[in-house]
Amino acid sequence: MSSVDLSQIKQLPVSERVALVEDIWDSIAEDSARVEVPDWHRKVLRERLAKYRGQSDVGRPWPEVRKRIEQGQ
């Protein structure tokens, strides 16, 4: 693993640091198949999905949500 000088990164303007983070995130996304998901993450996701599916009255259709956002509500 190569070494990165954090002090040099901290000297960059915020906009450049944000761009750097975006570039790093994009590079991770390109290799997402190689990122291992811990078992506890899978468990939490299964629990949340089961809870969501058990509550049919929760949530709104996307067109309705989008309309509310566009109207500034």
Protein backbone atom coordinates (compact mmCIF):
# COMPACT_ATOMS: atom_id res chain seq x y z
CA MET A 1 0.00 0.00 0.00
CA SER A 2 1.34 3.41 -0.92
CA SER A 3 1.64 6.13 1.67
CA VAL A 4 -0.43 9.29 1.43
CA ASP A 5 0.64 12.44 3.22
CA LEU A 6 -2.50 13.56 5.04
CA SER A 7 -0.95 16.93 5.89
CA GLN A 8 -0.67 17.70 2.17
CA ILE A 9 -4.27 16.69 1.60
CA LYS A 10 -5.40 18.96 4.44
CA GLN A 11 -3.71 21.90 2.69
CA LEU A 12 -5.88 21.48 -0.40
CA PRO A 13 -8.94 23.69 -0.77
CA VAL A 14 -12.14 22.02 0.42
CA SER A 15 -13.46 21.74 -3.14
CA GLU A 16 -10.35 19.79 -4.19
CA ARG A 17 -10.60 17.52 -1.13
CA VAL A 18 -14.23 16.80 -1.98
CA ALA A 19 -13.20 15.98 -5.57
CA LEU A 20 -10.48 13.68 -4.21
CA VAL A 21 -12.99 11.87 -2.00
CA GLU A 22 -15.32 11.48 -5.00
CA ASP A 23 -12.47 10.02 -7.06
CA ILE A 24 -11.59 7.60 -4.28
CA TRP A 25 -15.24 6.57 -3.88
CA ASP A 26 -15.59 6.04 -7.64
CA SER A 27 -12.51 3.82 -7.61
CA ILE A 28 -14.05 1.75 -4.81
CA ALA A 29 -17.35 1.50 -6.69
CA GLU A 30 -15.49 0.14 -9.73
CA ASP A 31 -14.24 -2.72 -7.56
CA SER A 32 -17.47 -3.16 -5.59
CA ALA A 33 -17.67 -6.85 -6.44
CA ARG A 34 -14.48 -7.33 -4.43
CA VAL A 35 -15.79 -5.51 -1.34
CA GLU A 36 -16.91 -8.05 1.23
CA VAL A 37 -20.13 -7.32 3.09
CA PRO A 38 -19.90 -8.38 6.73
CA ASP A 39 -22.48 -10.88 7.95
CA TRP A 40 -23.86 -8.39 10.46
CA HIS A 41 -24.62 -5.96 7.60
CA ARG A 42 -26.54 -8.68 5.78
CA LYS A 43 -28.46 -9.47 8.98
CA VAL A 44 -29.43 -5.84 9.51
CA LEU A 45 -30.52 -5.50 5.88
CA ARG A 46 -32.65 -8.65 6.09
CA GLU A 47 -34.29 -7.38 9.28
CA ARG A 48 -35.02 -3.96 7.79
CA LEU A 49 -36.39 -5.45 4.58
CA ALA A 50 -38.67 -7.77 6.56
CA LYS A 51 -39.91 -4.85 8.65
CA TYR A 52 -40.54 -2.78 5.52
CA ARG A 53 -42.44 -5.60 3.83
CA GLY A 54 -44.56 -6.06 6.95
CA GLN A 55 -45.72 -2.43 6.88
CA SER A 56 -47.66 -1.93 3.67
CA ASP A 57 -48.86 1.51 4.76
CA VAL A 58 -45.33 2.92 5.03
CA GLY A 59 -43.83 4.92 2.20
CA ARG A 60 -45.18 6.73 -0.82
CA PRO A 61 -44.91 6.11 -4.58
CA TRP A 62 -41.98 7.91 -6.26
CA PRO A 63 -44.17 10.18 -8.45
CA GLU A 64 -45.94 11.45 -5.32
CA VAL A 65 -42.68 12.05 -3.47
CA ARG A 66 -41.14 13.80 -6.48
CA LYS A 67 -44.17 16.06 -6.87
CA ARG A 68 -43.96 17.08 -3.19
CA ILE A 69 -40.24 17.81 -3.53
CA GLU A 70 -40.76 19.89 -6.66
CA GLN A 71 -43.52 21.85 -4.91
CA GLY A 72 -41.19 22.53 -2.00
CA GLN A 73 -43.30 20.74 0.59
